[in-house]
């Protein structure tokens, strides 16, 4: 029907605009945080791009519902502001009628959110955990920059290289401090050569005119000078990611008894329900008097959304802490409020309009 297409266009255009703006803000924040790690040589550009993509996928389950929520409010708000809703009503098309395409639109978004939350979300988190583990395991020598100290607390090793050739193999001003169960060792040299992955699990550094100082806990200290000294630096194996509840498949969480697992499962299942509830709440929140503007109730709408999301997150935390058994009371209470205040809001607005017309006459 022509009216259905018109209403869908009115809500889908602001939905796309708001969602794009929110995604752009999120991407800017994520890239800024990841670039800070990249500048410290903890991530390379490819890893920054990959992590940004994965985190954006995870964020869509929150960004798309709020984009749809505000899109409906802005779209229908314009119709109220320009008196188009009243023109539709005079033609026999009431709110219950033009609500149908809006709900169908929200149902499609809810279905997409359900897939993102139950299927894509755990996959994306698993990718993030795996990539982070591999990145953390990469040797500091693979990302080394001249003139910086690099400390690997796990390997108990500190590396400093004053100068580095373009191929990253010729070294100048090398300093390596390491500690093991036998004691402390400090090696310095004016020049050297780096051979990455000389063996399957070691890097090799060949130093020229090297000075070595070794402090042994139970024995005499050693001080030596070598014309050529070869050091093997063990590469760091990626840590096993282990059990991460956010990376577990929804199917595996069905019969979970751990409170954190149950909270995660309930959160994933609640996202679609929340999307539909927000769409229903957006319709009465979009109502306004003619010529008041489509943004008349935007602040109220944002406050409603913020309260609902915060209550939902608090409920999830309480389930994890075993204070309550379910988060479903929050969507249930929200649904009750939406149903309760649906018609009274409409009646109040009608009364206000009639009163204003009486005053004008």
Protein backbone atom coordinates (compact mmCIF):
# COMPACT_ATOMS: atom_id res chain seq x y z
CA UNK A 1 0.00 0.00 0.00
CA UNK A 2 1.19 3.54 -0.77
CA UNK A 3 0.75 4.71 2.83
CA UNK A 4 2.81 1.77 4.12
CA UNK A 5 5.70 2.60 1.79
CA UNK A 6 5.48 6.25 2.75
CA UNK A 7 5.59 5.48 6.48
CA UNK A 8 8.45 3.02 6.03
CA UNK A 9 10.45 5.65 4.17
CA UNK A 10 9.78 8.21 6.90
CA UNK A 11 11.19 5.96 9.64
CA UNK A 12 13.91 4.16 7.64
CA UNK A 13 15.68 7.33 6.46
CA UNK A 14 16.32 8.69 9.98
CA UNK A 15 17.10 5.13 11.13
CA UNK A 16 19.92 4.88 8.59
CA UNK A 17 21.15 8.37 9.45
CA UNK A 18 21.15 7.88 13.22
CA UNK A 19 22.67 4.39 13.02
CA UNK A 20 25.42 5.62 10.69
CA UNK A 21 26.21 8.52 13.02
CA UNK A 22 26.35 6.24 16.07
CA UNK A 23 28.54 3.75 14.23
CA UNK A 24 30.89 6.53 13.11
CA UNK A 25 31.22 7.75 16.70
CA UNK A 26 31.90 4.23 17.93
CA UNK A 27 34.48 3.62 15.18
CA UNK A 28 36.24 6.86 16.03
CA UNK A 29 36.42 5.92 19.71
CA UNK A 30 37.61 2.37 18.98
CA UNK A 31 40.24 3.42 16.45
CA UNK A 32 41.56 6.08 18.83
CA UNK A 33 41.97 3.52 21.63
CA UNK A 34 43.58 0.94 19.34
CA UNK A 35 45.90 3.47 17.71
CA UNK A 36 47.22 4.31 21.16
CA UNK A 37 48.27 0.66 21.45
CA UNK A 38 49.64 0.72 17.92
CA UNK A 39 51.79 3.75 18.72
CA UNK A 40 53.25 1.74 21.61
CA UNK A 41 53.99 -1.06 19.11
CA UNK A 42 51.50 -3.40 20.76
CA UNK A 43 49.43 -3.68 17.58
CA UNK A 44 50.18 -3.42 13.90
CA UNK A 45 47.89 -1.65 11.38
CA UNK A 46 46.32 -4.88 10.15
CA UNK A 47 45.43 -5.89 13.70
CA UNK A 48 43.96 -2.44 14.39
CA UNK A 49 41.71 -2.74 11.32
CA UNK A 50 40.68 -6.30 12.19
CA UNK A 51 39.88 -5.52 15.82
CA UNK A 52 37.93 -2.40 14.83
CA UNK A 53 35.83 -4.46 12.43
CA UNK A 54 35.11 -7.15 15.03
CA UNK A 55 34.21 -4.69 17.76
CA UNK A 56 31.92 -2.84 15.39
CA UNK A 57 30.03 -6.06 14.71
CA UNK A 58 29.58 -6.61 18.44
CA UNK A 59 28.42 -3.02 18.92
CA UNK A 60 25.69 -3.32 16.27
CA UNK A 61 23.43 -5.24 18.65
CA UNK A 62 23.21 -2.03 20.73
CA UNK A 63 23.59 0.62 18.01
CA UNK A 64 20.91 -0.67 15.64
CA UNK A 65 18.09 -0.82 18.24
CA UNK A 66 18.75 2.71 19.43
CA UNK A 67 19.03 3.87 15.80
CA UNK A 68 15.67 2.27 15.03
CA UNK A 69 14.15 3.71 18.22
CA UNK A 70 15.23 7.27 17.41
CA UNK A 71 14.44 6.78 13.73
CA UNK A 72 10.80 5.97 14.52
CA UNK A 73 10.54 8.91 16.92
CA UNK A 74 12.04 11.34 14.40
CA UNK A 75 10.09 9.97 11.46
CA UNK A 76 6.68 9.92 13.11
CA UNK A 77 7.53 13.12 14.97
CA UNK A 78 7.82 14.92 11.66
CA UNK A 79 4.41 13.59 10.61
CA UNK A 80 2.89 14.92 13.83
CA UNK A 81 4.73 18.23 13.53
CA UNK A 82 3.49 18.77 9.96
CA UNK A 83 -0.04 17.60 10.86
CA UNK A 84 0.21 14.73 8.39
CA UNK A 85 -0.95 12.26 11.05
CA UNK A 86 -4.17 14.20 11.50
CA UNK A 87 -4.65 14.25 7.74
CA UNK A 88 -4.29 10.47 7.71
CA UNK A 89 -6.76 10.13 10.56
CA UNK A 90 -9.28 12.30 8.74
CA UNK A 91 -8.95 9.88 5.82
CA UNK A 92 -9.77 6.98 8.12
CA UNK A 93 -6.19 5.81 8.71
CA UNK A 94 -5.78 5.75 12.48
CA UNK A 95 -2.72 5.15 14.60
CA UNK A 96 -3.42 1.42 14.85
CA UNK A 97 -3.32 1.26 11.05
CA UNK A 98 -0.09 3.11 10.39
CA UNK A 99 1.46 1.29 13.34
CA UNK A 100 1.47 -1.92 11.27
CA UNK A 101 4.32 -1.06 8.83
CA UNK A 102 6.34 0.37 11.74
CA UNK A 103 6.01 -2.89 13.68
CA UNK A 104 6.93 -4.92 10.59
CA UNK A 105 10.00 -2.72 10.15
CA UNK A 106 10.90 -3.22 13.84
CA UNK A 107 10.36 -6.98 13.52
CA UNK A 108 12.84 -7.15 10.65
CA UNK A 109 15.41 -5.21 12.70
CA UNK A 110 14.68 -7.44 15.73
CA UNK A 111 15.33 -10.54 13.63
CA UNK A 112 18.65 -9.12 12.48
CA UNK A 113 19.57 -8.21 16.06
CA UNK A 114 18.69 -11.74 17.16
CA UNK A 115 21.10 -13.23 14.62
CA UNK A 116 23.82 -10.74 15.57
CA UNK A 117 23.40 -11.42 19.27
CA UNK A 118 23.06 -15.21 19.26
CA UNK A 119 25.33 -16.16 16.37
CA UNK A 120 27.63 -13.34 15.28
CA UNK A 121 28.39 -11.96 18.75
CA UNK A 122 30.09 -15.12 20.14
CA UNK A 123 31.99 -15.63 16.88
CA UNK A 124 33.26 -12.03 16.92
CA UNK A 125 34.32 -12.26 20.57
CA UNK A 126 36.21 -15.50 19.87
CA UNK A 127 38.05 -13.77 17.04
CA UNK A 128 38.88 -10.82 19.31
CA UNK A 129 40.25 -13.10 22.04
CA UNK A 130 42.32 -15.15 19.58
CA UNK A 131 43.72 -12.08 17.85
CA UNK A 132 44.57 -10.44 21.18
CA UNK A 133 46.38 -13.58 22.34
CA UNK A 134 48.43 -13.79 19.14
CA UNK A 135 49.21 -10.08 19.30
CA UNK A 136 50.34 -10.32 22.92
CA UNK A 137 52.54 -13.27 22.05
CA UNK A 138 54.35 -11.46 19.23
CA UNK A 139 57.89 -10.74 20.27
CA UNK A 140 58.76 -7.19 21.03
CA UNK A 141 61.57 -7.50 18.50
CA UNK A 142 59.04 -7.94 15.69
CA UNK A 143 57.57 -4.53 16.46
CA UNK A 144 60.72 -2.86 17.72
CA UNK A 145 61.36 0.81 17.07
CA UNK A 146 64.64 2.56 17.56
CA UNK A 147 65.17 4.53 20.73
CA UNK A 148 62.59 2.80 22.91
CA UNK A 149 62.71 0.40 25.83
CA UNK A 150 60.54 -2.70 25.52
CA UNK A 151 59.70 -4.65 28.63
CA UNK A 152 58.29 -8.16 28.54
CA UNK A 153 57.33 -8.94 32.12
CA UNK A 154 56.31 -12.50 31.33
CA UNK A 155 59.66 -13.34 29.76
CA UNK A 156 61.43 -11.05 32.28
CA UNK A 157 63.29 -9.33 29.47
CA UNK A 158 64.03 -5.71 28.60
CA UNK A 159 65.32 -4.72 25.15
CA UNK A 160 66.65 -1.40 23.86
CA UNK A 161 67.99 -0.75 20.35
CA UNK A 162 69.38 2.67 19.57
CA UNK A 163 69.38 2.33 15.78
CA UNK A 164 67.69 0.07 13.26
CA UNK A 165 68.23 -0.42 9.51
CA UNK A 166 65.40 -0.28 6.98
CA UNK A 167 65.26 -4.07 6.70
CA UNK A 168 65.12 -4.24 10.53
CA UNK A 169 68.06 -6.62 10.70
CA UNK A 170 71.12 -4.39 11.25
CA UNK A 171 71.21 -3.09 14.82
CA UNK A 172 73.14 -0.34 16.58
CA UNK A 173 73.42 0.23 20.30
CA UNK A 174 71.89 -3.00 21.58
CA UNK A 175 70.97 -3.53 25.22
CA UNK A 176 69.33 -6.71 26.49
CA UNK A 177 68.54 -7.34 30.15
CA UNK A 178 67.06 -10.67 31.14
CA UNK A 179 66.41 -12.64 34.29
CA UNK A 180 65.89 -16.33 34.85
CA UNK A 181 65.95 -18.71 37.78
CA UNK A 182 69.77 -18.54 37.88
CA UNK A 183 70.11 -14.78 38.11
CA UNK A 184 70.37 -11.53 36.14
CA UNK A 185 72.15 -11.01 32.82
CA UNK A 186 72.91 -7.77 30.99
CA UNK A 187 74.29 -7.76 27.44
CA UNK A 188 75.33 -4.66 25.49
CA UNK A 189 76.92 -4.12 22.11
CA UNK A 190 77.51 -1.29 19.64
CA UNK A 191 76.39 -3.32 16.60
CA UNK A 192 74.55 -6.53 15.87
CA UNK A 193 72.36 -8.44 13.48
CA UNK A 194 68.86 -9.72 14.11
CA UNK A 195 67.53 -12.91 12.52
CA UNK A 196 63.82 -13.37 13.28
CA UNK A 197 62.63 -16.94 13.81
CA UNK A 198 66.07 -18.42 13.23
CA UNK A 199 64.53 -21.58 14.67
CA UNK A 200 60.93 -22.56 15.09
CA UNK A 201 60.79 -21.11 18.59
CA UNK A 202 63.73 -18.70 18.85
CA UNK A 203 64.93 -15.42 17.41
CA UNK A 204 68.67 -14.96 17.00
CA UNK A 205 70.81 -11.87 17.65
CA UNK A 206 74.46 -11.91 16.65
CA UNK A 207 76.34 -9.16 18.51
CA UNK A 208 79.78 -7.77 17.69
CA UNK A 209 82.17 -6.70 20.48
CA UNK A 210 79.60 -7.57 23.12
CA UNK A 211 79.93 -6.92 26.84
CA UNK A 212 78.23 -9.36 29.19
CA UNK A 213 77.55 -8.99 32.87
CA UNK A 214 75.92 -11.87 34.72
CA UNK A 215 74.90 -11.72 38.35
CA UNK A 216 74.30 -15.16 39.80
CA UNK A 217 72.27 -15.56 42.96
CA UNK A 218 74.40 -18.42 44.33
CA UNK A 219 77.87 -17.90 42.95
CA UNK A 220 80.40 -15.36 41.66
CA UNK A 221 79.41 -12.63 39.22
CA UNK A 222 80.67 -12.90 35.65
CA UNK A 223 81.95 -10.07 33.46
CA UNK A 224 83.10 -10.80 29.92
CA UNK A 225 83.81 -9.31 26.49
CA UNK A 226 83.18 -11.23 23.28
CA UNK A 227 84.16 -10.43 19.71
CA UNK A 228 81.04 -12.22 18.52
CA UNK A 229 78.17 -13.32 20.72
CA UNK A 230 75.02 -15.12 19.64
CA UNK A 231 71.85 -14.80 21.70
CA UNK A 232 68.78 -16.93 21.23
CA UNK A 233 65.61 -15.21 22.40
CA UNK A 234 62.71 -17.57 22.86
CA UNK A 235 59.54 -16.55 21.09
CA UNK A 236 56.44 -16.26 23.20
CA UNK A 237 53.76 -18.79 22.43
CA UNK A 238 50.19 -17.49 22.35
CA UNK A 239 48.38 -18.21 25.57
CA UNK A 240 45.39 -20.49 25.41
CA UNK A 241 42.32 -18.28 25.43
CA UNK A 242 40.51 -20.64 27.74
CA UNK A 243 36.85 -20.44 28.63
CA UNK A 244 35.27 -17.09 27.81
CA UNK A 245 31.55 -16.86 28.33
CA UNK A 246 31.07 -14.18 25.66
CA UNK A 247 32.72 -16.44 23.09
CA UNK A 248 30.57 -19.50 23.87
CA UNK A 249 27.94 -20.46 21.35
CA UNK A 250 24.34 -19.85 22.30
CA UNK A 251 23.63 -23.56 21.84
CA UNK A 252 26.26 -24.45 24.45
CA UNK A 253 24.77 -21.99 26.94
CA UNK A 254 21.28 -23.50 26.85
CA UNK A 255 21.75 -25.85 29.81
CA UNK A 256 24.36 -23.78 31.64
CA UNK A 257 24.14 -23.61 35.43
CA UNK A 258 26.86 -21.04 36.07
CA UNK A 259 25.27 -17.63 36.82
CA UNK A 260 27.53 -15.80 34.37
CA UNK A 261 26.57 -18.22 31.62
CA UNK A 262 22.87 -17.80 32.37
CA UNK A 263 23.20 -14.03 32.42
CA UNK A 264 24.96 -14.06 29.04
CA UNK A 265 22.30 -16.32 27.51
CA UNK A 266 19.46 -14.17 28.83
CA UNK A 267 21.16 -11.02 27.53
CA UNK A 268 21.48 -12.46 24.03
CA UNK A 269 17.85 -13.57 23.95
CA UNK A 270 16.61 -10.25 25.35
CA UNK A 271 18.05 -8.09 22.57
CA UNK A 272 15.32 -8.95 20.03
CA UNK A 273 12.59 -8.48 22.63
CA UNK A 274 14.07 -5.15 23.64
CA UNK A 275 14.14 -4.02 20.01
CA UNK A 276 10.41 -4.67 19.61
CA UNK A 277 9.61 -3.00 22.94
CA UNK A 278 11.58 0.08 21.97
CA UNK A 279 9.68 0.29 18.70
CA UNK A 280 6.37 0.15 20.58
CA UNK A 281 7.55 2.79 23.05
CA UNK A 282 8.75 5.04 20.22
CA UNK A 283 5.25 5.50 18.79
CA UNK A 284 3.67 7.32 21.78
CA UNK A 285 6.95 9.17 22.39
CA UNK A 286 6.78 10.55 18.84
CA UNK A 287 3.44 12.28 19.43
CA UNK A 288 3.57 16.04 19.56
CA UNK A 289 1.42 19.04 18.81
CA UNK A 290 1.58 20.55 15.32
CA UNK A 291 4.51 22.87 14.60
CA UNK A 292 6.39 21.80 17.73
CA UNK A 293 9.09 20.07 15.68
CA UNK A 294 10.20 16.48 15.33
CA UNK A 295 12.78 16.87 18.13
CA UNK A 296 10.24 17.90 20.77
CA UNK A 297 10.52 14.69 22.77
CA UNK A 298 13.98 13.52 21.79
CA UNK A 299 15.49 14.21 25.22
CA UNK A 300 12.66 12.37 26.96
CA UNK A 301 13.10 9.46 24.53
CA UNK A 302 16.84 9.30 25.23
CA UNK A 303 16.17 9.34 28.97
CA UNK A 304 13.69 6.46 28.61
CA UNK A 305 16.20 4.45 26.59
CA UNK A 306 19.05 5.17 29.01
CA UNK A 307 16.95 4.08 32.00
CA UNK A 308 15.83 0.88 30.27
CA UNK A 309 19.35 -0.07 29.14
CA UNK A 310 20.83 0.65 32.56
CA UNK A 311 18.15 -1.38 34.34
CA UNK A 312 18.80 -4.25 31.93
CA UNK A 313 22.56 -4.12 32.55
CA UNK A 314 22.03 -3.94 36.31
CA UNK A 315 19.73 -6.96 36.12
CA UNK A 316 22.39 -8.86 34.14
CA UNK A 317 24.96 -8.03 36.82
CA UNK A 318 22.61 -9.20 39.56
CA UNK A 319 22.09 -12.51 37.76
CA UNK A 320 25.87 -12.93 37.53
CA UNK A 321 26.12 -12.23 41.26
CA UNK A 322 23.23 -14.64 41.98
CA UNK A 323 21.14 -11.92 43.58
CA UNK A 324 18.26 -12.67 41.21
CA UNK A 325 17.56 -15.50 38.80
CA UNK A 326 16.49 -13.63 35.66
CA UNK A 327 16.75 -10.34 33.79
CA UNK A 328 13.31 -10.78 32.21
CA UNK A 329 11.57 -8.65 34.82
CA UNK A 330 13.07 -5.56 33.17
CA UNK A 331 11.56 -6.17 29.67
CA UNK A 332 8.36 -7.30 31.38
CA UNK A 333 8.08 -4.11 33.41
CA UNK A 334 8.91 -2.00 30.38
CA UNK A 335 6.25 -3.79 28.32
CA UNK A 336 3.69 -3.18 31.08
CA UNK A 337 4.53 0.53 31.14
CA UNK A 338 4.26 0.82 27.36
CA UNK A 339 0.86 -0.91 27.31
CA UNK A 340 -0.40 1.04 30.33
CA UNK A 341 0.51 4.46 29.01
CA UNK A 342 -0.34 3.89 25.35
CA UNK A 343 -3.94 5.16 25.32
CA UNK A 344 -3.79 7.62 28.26
CA UNK A 345 -1.07 9.59 26.48
CA UNK A 346 -3.22 9.76 23.38
CA UNK A 347 -6.24 10.95 25.37
CA UNK A 348 -4.25 13.62 27.18
CA UNK A 349 -2.89 15.02 23.94
CA UNK A 350 -6.37 15.09 22.43
CA UNK A 351 -7.75 16.92 25.45
CA UNK A 352 -4.92 19.45 25.29
CA UNK A 353 -5.56 20.05 21.60
CA UNK A 354 -9.30 20.52 22.14
CA UNK A 355 -8.63 22.91 25.01
CA UNK A 356 -6.21 24.91 22.82
CA UNK A 357 -8.80 25.10 20.04
CA UNK A 358 -11.47 26.34 22.50
CA UNK A 359 -9.13 29.04 23.75
CA UNK A 360 -8.39 30.18 20.18
CA UNK A 361 -12.08 30.41 19.34
